[in-house]
Amino acid sequence: MNDFPPVLDAIGQRLAQRLLATTQEIDPVALQQLRAVREQAVDQRRLVLARQAQASLQLAAQTREASSRLDSPSFLWQKLGGVAVLLALLIGLWQIDETQSDRFTQSAAEIDKQLLTDELPPAAYLDPGFKHFLKLSFSPDPQ
């Protein structure tokens, strides 16, 4: 798994060749220390790759588990329950609307009935003089 661009990889290869060519000049103690550091770096890289693989496996297992839950009968019942609640809500709202419409219609019919059965004709209520007469006749007397 090479994550580097080809240019950087080529530079790294050349640098490694130069370092290998000069290994005979390095003190054996320093060479041993370099070898130990390299082994630590390789081990760290292995740990990182192992963690990435483990995370990928866990994600795949969770995805598989979630997809199996979607196919389960309990998930189907949950969906049907949600649809039933939504349907009940819509029926309730429709019933409220119908009740309100009936009340409004009944109120309007009562007003019409009062107007049509009154001694005065409906045109009298539209006459401006009648409105003035009502104001004068029902106003409190200041006397």
N, C-alpha and C. Protein backbone atom coordinates (compact mmCIF):
# COMPACT_ATOMS: atom_id res chain seq x y z
N MET A 1 0.84 -1.18 0.00
CA MET A 1 0.00 0.00 0.00
C MET A 1 0.88 1.23 0.00
N ASN A 2 0.99 1.83 -1.13
CA ASN A 2 1.81 3.01 -1.26
C ASN A 2 0.89 4.21 -1.38
N ASP A 3 0.93 5.10 -0.39
CA ASP A 3 0.06 6.27 -0.36
C ASP A 3 0.74 7.51 -0.94
N PHE A 4 1.98 7.38 -1.37
CA PHE A 4 2.73 8.54 -1.84
C PHE A 4 2.60 8.70 -3.34
N PRO A 5 2.69 9.96 -3.82
CA PRO A 5 2.73 10.17 -5.27
C PRO A 5 4.01 9.59 -5.87
N PRO A 6 3.99 9.24 -7.14
CA PRO A 6 5.17 8.61 -7.77
C PRO A 6 6.45 9.44 -7.65
N VAL A 7 6.34 10.75 -7.68
CA VAL A 7 7.53 11.60 -7.61
C VAL A 7 8.19 11.45 -6.24
N LEU A 8 7.38 11.52 -5.18
CA LEU A 8 7.94 11.36 -3.83
C LEU A 8 8.48 9.96 -3.62
N ASP A 9 7.83 8.98 -4.19
CA ASP A 9 8.30 7.60 -4.06
C ASP A 9 9.67 7.44 -4.72
N ALA A 10 9.85 8.03 -5.88
CA ALA A 10 11.14 7.95 -6.57
C ALA A 10 12.23 8.64 -5.77
N ILE A 11 11.91 9.79 -5.18
CA ILE A 11 12.90 10.51 -4.36
C ILE A 11 13.27 9.65 -3.14
N GLY A 12 12.29 9.03 -2.55
CA GLY A 12 12.54 8.16 -1.40
C GLY A 12 13.41 6.98 -1.76
N GLN A 13 13.19 6.40 -2.91
CA GLN A 13 14.01 5.26 -3.37
C GLN A 13 15.47 5.70 -3.55
N ARG A 14 15.69 6.85 -4.18
CA ARG A 14 17.06 7.34 -4.39
C ARG A 14 17.75 7.62 -3.06
N LEU A 15 17.00 8.22 -2.11
CA LEU A 15 17.57 8.51 -0.80
C LEU A 15 17.93 7.22 -0.08
N ALA A 16 17.08 6.21 -0.19
CA ALA A 16 17.36 4.92 0.45
C ALA A 16 18.62 4.29 -0.16
N GLN A 17 18.80 4.38 -1.47
CA GLN A 17 19.99 3.82 -2.10
C GLN A 17 21.26 4.52 -1.62
N ARG A 18 21.22 5.83 -1.49
CA ARG A 18 22.39 6.57 -1.01
C ARG A 18 22.71 6.20 0.44
N LEU A 19 21.65 6.06 1.25
CA LEU A 19 21.88 5.68 2.64
C LEU A 19 22.47 4.27 2.75
N LEU A 20 21.99 3.36 1.91
CA LEU A 20 22.53 2.00 1.92
C LEU A 20 24.00 1.97 1.48
N ALA A 21 24.33 2.86 0.55
CA ALA A 21 25.71 2.91 0.08
C ALA A 21 26.66 3.39 1.17
N THR A 22 26.17 4.19 2.09
CA THR A 22 27.05 4.73 3.13
C THR A 22 26.91 4.00 4.46
N THR A 23 26.23 2.86 4.48
CA THR A 23 26.05 2.15 5.75
C THR A 23 27.36 1.60 6.29
N GLN A 24 28.33 1.33 5.43
CA GLN A 24 29.60 0.81 5.92
C GLN A 24 30.34 1.85 6.74
N GLU A 25 30.05 3.11 6.53
CA GLU A 25 30.76 4.17 7.24
C GLU A 25 30.11 4.48 8.60
N ILE A 26 28.92 3.96 8.85
CA ILE A 26 28.21 4.27 10.09
C ILE A 26 28.73 3.38 11.21
N ASP A 27 28.80 3.96 12.38
CA ASP A 27 29.23 3.26 13.59
C ASP A 27 28.24 2.12 13.88
N PRO A 28 28.71 0.92 14.26
CA PRO A 28 27.81 -0.20 14.52
C PRO A 28 26.75 0.11 15.58
N VAL A 29 27.06 0.88 16.59
CA VAL A 29 26.09 1.23 17.64
C VAL A 29 24.99 2.09 17.03
N ALA A 30 25.34 3.10 16.24
CA ALA A 30 24.36 3.97 15.59
C ALA A 30 23.53 3.17 14.60
N LEU A 31 24.17 2.22 13.90
CA LEU A 31 23.45 1.37 12.96
C LEU A 31 22.40 0.53 13.69
N GLN A 32 22.76 0.01 14.86
CA GLN A 32 21.82 -0.77 15.67
C GLN A 32 20.65 0.11 16.14
N GLN A 33 20.95 1.35 16.52
CA GLN A 33 19.88 2.26 16.95
C GLN A 33 18.94 2.59 15.78
N LEU A 34 19.52 2.81 14.62
CA LEU A 34 18.69 3.08 13.43
C LEU A 34 17.79 1.89 13.10
N ARG A 35 18.33 0.68 13.21
CA ARG A 35 17.56 -0.53 12.95
C ARG A 35 16.38 -0.64 13.93
N ALA A 36 16.65 -0.33 15.22
CA ALA A 36 15.59 -0.39 16.24
C ALA A 36 14.50 0.65 15.96
N VAL A 37 14.89 1.86 15.57
CA VAL A 37 13.92 2.91 15.25
C VAL A 37 13.09 2.52 14.03
N ARG A 38 13.76 1.90 13.04
CA ARG A 38 13.03 1.47 11.83
C ARG A 38 11.99 0.42 12.20
N GLU A 39 12.38 -0.52 13.05
CA GLU A 39 11.43 -1.56 13.46
C GLU A 39 10.25 -0.96 14.22
N GLN A 40 10.49 0.06 15.04
CA GLN A 40 9.39 0.73 15.74
C GLN A 40 8.45 1.41 14.74
N ALA A 41 9.03 2.06 13.74
CA ALA A 41 8.21 2.75 12.74
C ALA A 41 7.35 1.75 11.95
N VAL A 42 7.95 0.60 11.59
CA VAL A 42 7.20 -0.43 10.87
C VAL A 42 6.08 -0.98 11.75
N ASP A 43 6.36 -1.21 13.02
CA ASP A 43 5.34 -1.71 13.95
C ASP A 43 4.19 -0.70 14.10
N GLN A 44 4.54 0.58 14.20
CA GLN A 44 3.50 1.62 14.30
C GLN A 44 2.61 1.62 13.06
N ARG A 45 3.24 1.47 11.89
CA ARG A 45 2.45 1.45 10.64
C ARG A 45 1.53 0.23 10.62
N ARG A 46 2.02 -0.91 11.09
CA ARG A 46 1.18 -2.12 11.15
C ARG A 46 -0.01 -1.89 12.07
N LEU A 47 0.21 -1.23 13.21
CA LEU A 47 -0.89 -0.96 14.14
C LEU A 47 -1.94 -0.05 13.50
N VAL A 48 -1.48 0.97 12.79
CA VAL A 48 -2.42 1.88 12.12
C VAL A 48 -3.24 1.12 11.08
N LEU A 49 -2.58 0.28 10.29
CA LEU A 49 -3.30 -0.50 9.28
C LEU A 49 -4.27 -1.49 9.92
N ALA A 50 -3.85 -2.08 11.04
CA ALA A 50 -4.74 -3.02 11.74
C ALA A 50 -5.97 -2.29 12.29
N ARG A 51 -5.79 -1.10 12.84
CA ARG A 51 -6.93 -0.32 13.36
C ARG A 51 -7.88 0.07 12.23
N GLN A 52 -7.32 0.45 11.09
CA GLN A 52 -8.16 0.81 9.94
C GLN A 52 -8.96 -0.40 9.47
N ALA A 53 -8.32 -1.54 9.42
CA ALA A 53 -9.02 -2.76 9.00
C ALA A 53 -10.11 -3.13 9.99
N GLN A 54 -9.80 -3.00 11.29
CA GLN A 54 -10.80 -3.32 12.32
C GLN A 54 -11.99 -2.36 12.23
N ALA A 55 -11.73 -1.08 12.01
CA ALA A 55 -12.82 -0.12 11.88
C ALA A 55 -13.68 -0.43 10.65
N SER A 56 -13.05 -0.83 9.56
CA SER A 56 -13.79 -1.20 8.36
C SER A 56 -14.66 -2.42 8.60
N LEU A 57 -14.12 -3.40 9.32
CA LEU A 57 -14.90 -4.59 9.63
C LEU A 57 -16.08 -4.26 10.55
N GLN A 58 -15.88 -3.40 11.54
CA GLN A 58 -16.97 -3.01 12.42
C GLN A 58 -18.06 -2.27 11.66
N LEU A 59 -17.66 -1.38 10.76
CA LEU A 59 -18.63 -0.65 9.95
C LEU A 59 -19.43 -1.60 9.07
N ALA A 60 -18.75 -2.57 8.48
CA ALA A 60 -19.44 -3.55 7.64
C ALA A 60 -20.42 -4.37 8.47
N ALA A 61 -20.01 -4.76 9.68
CA ALA A 61 -20.90 -5.54 10.55
C ALA A 61 -22.12 -4.72 10.96
N GLN A 62 -21.90 -3.44 11.29
CA GLN A 62 -23.03 -2.58 11.67
C GLN A 62 -23.98 -2.37 10.49
N THR A 63 -23.43 -2.22 9.31
CA THR A 63 -24.26 -2.04 8.12
C THR A 63 -25.08 -3.29 7.86
N ARG A 64 -24.46 -4.45 8.00
CA ARG A 64 -25.17 -5.72 7.79
C ARG A 64 -26.28 -5.88 8.83
N GLU A 65 -25.96 -5.52 10.08
CA GLU A 65 -26.95 -5.63 11.15
C GLU A 65 -28.12 -4.68 10.91
N ALA A 66 -27.82 -3.47 10.47
CA ALA A 66 -28.89 -2.50 10.19
C ALA A 66 -29.76 -2.96 9.03
N SER A 67 -29.16 -3.52 8.00
CA SER A 67 -29.95 -3.99 6.87
C SER A 67 -30.80 -5.19 7.25
N SER A 68 -30.30 -6.03 8.17
CA SER A 68 -31.11 -7.17 8.61
C SER A 68 -32.27 -6.68 9.47
N ARG A 69 -32.08 -5.57 10.23
CA ARG A 69 -33.18 -5.01 11.02
C ARG A 69 -34.26 -4.45 10.11
N LEU A 70 -33.87 -3.88 8.96
CA LEU A 70 -34.86 -3.33 8.03
C LEU A 70 -35.74 -4.42 7.46
N ASP A 71 -35.21 -5.62 7.33
CA ASP A 71 -35.98 -6.73 6.78
C ASP A 71 -36.79 -7.47 7.83
N SER A 72 -36.58 -7.16 9.10
CA SER A 72 -37.24 -7.91 10.16
C SER A 72 -38.72 -7.56 10.25
N PRO A 73 -39.54 -8.50 10.76
CA PRO A 73 -40.98 -8.24 10.90
C PRO A 73 -41.28 -7.11 11.88
N SER A 74 -40.45 -6.94 12.91
CA SER A 74 -40.73 -5.87 13.88
C SER A 74 -40.58 -4.50 13.21
N PHE A 75 -39.64 -4.37 12.29
CA PHE A 75 -39.50 -3.10 11.57
C PHE A 75 -40.74 -2.85 10.72
N LEU A 76 -41.27 -3.89 10.11
CA LEU A 76 -42.49 -3.75 9.32
C LEU A 76 -43.65 -3.30 10.19
N TRP A 77 -43.76 -3.87 11.40
CA TRP A 77 -44.83 -3.47 12.32
C TRP A 77 -44.65 -2.02 12.77
N GLN A 78 -43.42 -1.61 12.96
CA GLN A 78 -43.18 -0.21 13.33
C GLN A 78 -43.63 0.73 12.22
N LYS A 79 -43.32 0.37 11.00
CA LYS A 79 -43.74 1.20 9.86
C LYS A 79 -45.26 1.25 9.77
N LEU A 80 -45.90 0.08 9.91
CA LEU A 80 -47.36 0.04 9.84
C LEU A 80 -47.98 0.82 10.99
N GLY A 81 -47.37 0.76 12.17
CA GLY A 81 -47.87 1.53 13.31
C GLY A 81 -47.77 3.02 13.05
N GLY A 82 -46.67 3.44 12.45
CA GLY A 82 -46.51 4.86 12.11
C GLY A 82 -47.54 5.32 11.10
N VAL A 83 -47.81 4.47 10.11
CA VAL A 83 -48.82 4.82 9.11
C VAL A 83 -50.20 4.88 9.76
N ALA A 84 -50.48 3.96 10.70
CA ALA A 84 -51.78 3.95 11.38
C ALA A 84 -51.97 5.22 12.21
N VAL A 85 -50.92 5.65 12.90
CA VAL A 85 -51.01 6.88 13.69
C VAL A 85 -51.25 8.08 12.78
N LEU A 86 -50.55 8.13 11.69
CA LEU A 86 -50.72 9.23 10.74
C LEU A 86 -52.14 9.24 10.17
N LEU A 87 -52.66 8.07 9.85
CA LEU A 87 -54.02 7.96 9.32
C LEU A 87 -55.04 8.42 10.37
N ALA A 88 -54.85 8.02 11.64
CA ALA A 88 -55.76 8.44 12.70
C ALA A 88 -55.72 9.95 12.89
N LEU A 89 -54.53 10.53 12.79
CA LEU A 89 -54.40 11.98 12.90
C LEU A 89 -55.15 12.69 11.78
N LEU A 90 -55.00 12.20 10.56
CA LEU A 90 -55.68 12.82 9.43
C LEU A 90 -57.20 12.70 9.55
N ILE A 91 -57.68 11.56 10.02
CA ILE A 91 -59.13 11.37 10.20
C ILE A 91 -59.63 12.32 11.29
N GLY A 92 -58.88 12.46 12.37
CA GLY A 92 -59.26 13.38 13.44
C GLY A 92 -59.33 14.82 12.96
N LEU A 93 -58.34 15.24 12.17
CA LEU A 93 -58.35 16.61 11.64
C LEU A 93 -59.53 16.82 10.69
N TRP A 94 -59.83 15.83 9.89
CA TRP A 94 -60.97 15.93 8.98
C TRP A 94 -62.27 16.05 9.77
N GLN A 95 -62.39 15.27 10.85
CA GLN A 95 -63.60 15.31 11.69
C GLN A 95 -63.75 16.68 12.35
N ILE A 96 -62.66 17.25 12.83
CA ILE A 96 -62.70 18.59 13.43
C ILE A 96 -63.16 19.62 12.41
N ASP A 97 -62.62 19.53 11.20
CA ASP A 97 -63.01 20.46 10.13
C ASP A 97 -64.50 20.34 9.81
N GLU A 98 -64.98 19.12 9.74
CA GLU A 98 -66.41 18.90 9.45
C GLU A 98 -67.28 19.48 10.57
N THR A 99 -66.89 19.27 11.82
CA THR A 99 -67.66 19.79 12.95
C THR A 99 -67.69 21.32 12.92
N GLN A 100 -66.54 21.94 12.67
CA GLN A 100 -66.49 23.40 12.60
C GLN A 100 -67.34 23.92 11.45
N SER A 101 -67.31 23.25 10.31
CA SER A 101 -68.12 23.68 9.16
C SER A 101 -69.60 23.57 9.49
N ASP A 102 -70.00 22.50 10.17
CA ASP A 102 -71.41 22.33 10.56
C ASP A 102 -71.84 23.44 11.50
N ARG A 103 -71.00 23.78 12.49
CA ARG A 103 -71.35 24.84 13.43
C ARG A 103 -71.51 26.18 12.72
N PHE A 104 -70.60 26.47 11.79
CA PHE A 104 -70.69 27.73 11.05
C PHE A 104 -71.97 27.76 10.22
N THR A 105 -72.28 26.66 9.58
CA THR A 105 -73.49 26.59 8.75
C THR A 105 -74.74 26.75 9.62
N GLN A 106 -74.74 26.12 10.78
CA GLN A 106 -75.89 26.24 11.68
C GLN A 106 -76.04 27.67 12.20
N SER A 107 -74.94 28.34 12.51
CA SER A 107 -75.01 29.73 12.97
C SER A 107 -75.56 30.63 11.87
N ALA A 108 -75.06 30.46 10.66
CA ALA A 108 -75.54 31.27 9.54
C ALA A 108 -77.02 31.00 9.28
N ALA A 109 -77.44 29.75 9.40
CA ALA A 109 -78.85 29.41 9.19
C ALA A 109 -79.72 30.04 10.27
N GLU A 110 -79.25 30.08 11.50
CA GLU A 110 -80.01 30.70 12.60
C GLU A 110 -80.18 32.20 12.36
N ILE A 111 -79.11 32.85 11.92
CA ILE A 111 -79.19 34.29 11.61
C ILE A 111 -80.19 34.53 10.48
N ASP A 112 -80.08 33.73 9.42
CA ASP A 112 -81.02 33.86 8.29
C ASP A 112 -82.46 33.65 8.76
N LYS A 113 -82.66 32.66 9.60
CA LYS A 113 -84.01 32.37 10.11
C LYS A 113 -84.56 33.55 10.90
N GLN A 114 -83.70 34.17 11.75
CA GLN A 114 -84.14 35.31 12.53
C GLN A 114 -84.49 36.50 11.63
N LEU A 115 -83.67 36.71 10.60
CA LEU A 115 -83.93 37.82 9.68
C LEU A 115 -85.23 37.61 8.90
N LEU A 116 -85.45 36.40 8.44
CA LEU A 116 -86.62 36.13 7.60
C LEU A 116 -87.92 36.06 8.40
N THR A 117 -87.87 35.71 9.66
CA THR A 117 -89.08 35.60 10.46
C THR A 117 -89.35 36.85 11.28
N ASP A 118 -88.48 37.83 11.22
CA ASP A 118 -88.66 39.07 11.97
C ASP A 118 -89.78 39.89 11.34
N GLU A 119 -90.35 40.83 12.13
CA GLU A 119 -91.42 41.68 11.62
C GLU A 119 -90.91 42.66 10.59
N LEU A 120 -89.63 43.06 10.71
CA LEU A 120 -89.05 43.99 9.74
C LEU A 120 -88.54 43.25 8.52
N PRO A 121 -88.66 43.85 7.36
CA PRO A 121 -88.07 43.22 6.19
C PRO A 121 -86.54 43.36 6.23
N PRO A 122 -85.78 42.44 5.58
CA PRO A 122 -84.31 42.52 5.61
C PRO A 122 -83.78 43.82 5.04
N ALA A 123 -84.50 44.45 4.11
CA ALA A 123 -84.03 45.70 3.52
C ALA A 123 -83.97 46.82 4.56
N ALA A 124 -84.77 46.72 5.62
CA ALA A 124 -84.77 47.77 6.65
C ALA A 124 -83.43 47.84 7.36
N TYR A 125 -82.80 46.71 7.51
CA TYR A 125 -81.51 46.70 8.20
C TYR A 125 -80.42 47.38 7.37
N LEU A 126 -80.65 47.49 6.07
CA LEU A 126 -79.67 48.13 5.19
C LEU A 126 -79.91 49.63 5.06
N ASP A 127 -81.04 50.10 5.48
CA ASP A 127 -81.40 51.51 5.34
C ASP A 127 -80.62 52.35 6.35
N PRO A 128 -79.91 53.41 5.90
CA PRO A 128 -79.16 54.25 6.84
C PRO A 128 -80.06 54.99 7.82
N GLY A 129 -81.23 55.33 7.40
CA GLY A 129 -82.16 56.02 8.31
C GLY A 129 -82.59 55.12 9.45
N PHE A 130 -82.75 53.82 9.18
CA PHE A 130 -83.14 52.88 10.23
C PHE A 130 -82.02 52.74 11.25
N LYS A 131 -80.78 52.73 10.78
CA LYS A 131 -79.65 52.67 11.71
C LYS A 131 -79.65 53.90 12.61
N HIS A 132 -79.96 55.09 12.04
CA HIS A 132 -80.00 56.32 12.82
C HIS A 132 -81.15 56.24 13.83
N PHE A 133 -82.28 55.72 13.40
CA PHE A 133 -83.43 55.54 14.29
C PHE A 133 -83.09 54.62 15.46
N LEU A 134 -82.39 53.52 15.17
CA LEU A 134 -82.01 52.60 16.25
C LEU A 134 -81.06 53.26 17.24
N LYS A 135 -80.13 54.07 16.74
CA LYS A 135 -79.20 54.76 17.63
C LYS A 135 -79.94 55.73 18.54
N LEU A 136 -80.89 56.44 17.97
CA LEU A 136 -81.63 57.41 18.78
C LEU A 136 -82.56 56.76 19.77
N SER A 137 -83.21 55.67 19.35
CA SER A 137 -84.18 55.07 20.23
C SER A 137 -83.58 54.23 21.34
N PHE A 138 -82.37 53.71 21.17
CA PHE A 138 -81.77 52.88 22.20
C PHE A 138 -80.60 53.55 22.93
N SER A 139 -80.39 54.81 22.66
CA SER A 139 -79.33 55.51 23.39
C SER A 139 -79.84 55.95 24.75
N PRO A 140 -79.01 55.96 25.77
CA PRO A 140 -79.47 56.39 27.09
C PRO A 140 -79.80 57.88 27.09
N ASP A 141 -80.86 58.25 27.76
CA ASP A 141 -81.26 59.66 27.81
C ASP A 141 -80.40 60.39 28.84
N PRO A 142 -79.81 61.54 28.43
CA PRO A 142 -78.98 62.28 29.37
C PRO A 142 -79.82 63.09 30.37
N GLN A 143 -81.11 63.05 30.31
CA GLN A 143 -81.96 63.85 31.19
C GLN A 143 -81.88 63.44 32.58
